[in-house]
Amino acid sequence: MAMAEQTTPKPVQAPKGGAAAGGAMARFFDGDVWHSFKNSPITVVAAVVTVTIFLAALFAPIVSPHDPYDLMLLDVMDSFMPPVWEADGDPRFLIGTDDQGRDMLSTIIYGSRASLFIGFASVLLSIVLGVGLGLVSGFRGGMVDAFIMRVAEIQLSFPTILIALLINGVLRGVFPVEQQADVAYAVLILSIGVSGWVQYARTVRGSTMVERSKEYVQAAHVIGIHPTLIALRHILPNVMGPVLVIATIHLAVAVISEATLSFLGVGVPPTEPSLGTLIRIGNDFLFSGEWWIAIFPGAALAILVLAVNLLGDWLRDALNPKLR
């Protein structure tokens, strides 16, 4: 009787990184989030506007018609020129110039860059503070939880802008007057970031208290994993979903806070203006006929904040399983 020929099984090859990435992209475009996005015209328009503003701010030296910070290119004789469609308009300046002869379109692009940089940095600082304190508060409990939450409740009793003004004033008092312009960005980021950590901490604390009682966390305790590693490796990734939604909406709030502080004169210096500084400068000439100096930066700020808020509202609904 002939022996059956034995066949050696072929080794199973692991999927390549490109195939895995392609599969992830395919799952994303087949998922509920993408379906919700493409079927919401308002969200699509908001995304296009947001991406356009972000790219223009990121590549401001390339896309802006003029460099408003180059003093060699500025001419005082070009100041207060109206938009191009007005009788005295100049084709070189599409939407006019300000009191220093700077092209308004270029200053708005550069101002958006400054506002978005401060907004992103302050939101990142708020996330680090809020997520860290919320994770510690929810995981440890006891006196630590009570102390952190009491501090959060005290801060919630004051408007955010007042907290930012208080921190801004204290920090500016630390530095000499001649150095305040150099540290203006850092002071704004710290002021807005510290004033916005509470919502992250409260959200992460609640999610952490739910996650720490689940079986996978208890099993990690049983096998001897250090509590810090349990919090960072197991609980933290499972509580970051709501943080993304809060951060998207908080970005618009941070940009508004920066504009408010700059409008009040405690923000970015006029030599490197943000949108809030441009609005403050234009407000001095609003009733003398040079309306474009304040109107166009204000419109740019309103469009940016509205687009980011619409994206945040959509993201909150898209990631909510109860609304699917």
Foldseek 3Di string as FASTA:
>chain_A
DDDDDDDDDDDDDDDDPVVVVVVVVVCVCVDLLVVLQVPDVLLVVLVVLQVVLVVCLVPLVVPALDDQLDPVPWDQVQALAAAQPDPRHDVSAHGGHHNRNGRLRSLLSLQSNLLLVLLVLLLVLLLVVQLVLLLCLQLVPDPSVVVVVVVLVVLVVDDLLVQLVVQLVVVCVVDDPVCLLVCQSVSLSVSNNVSRNSVSSVQNSVQNNVVCPDDVNVVCVVVPDDSVCCSPPPRSVVRCLVVVLVSLLSSLVSSVSQLVCLLVPSHHDPSSHHLSVQLNSLVVCCVVPSVSSNVVSVVVSVSNSVSSNVNSVSSVQSPDVVND
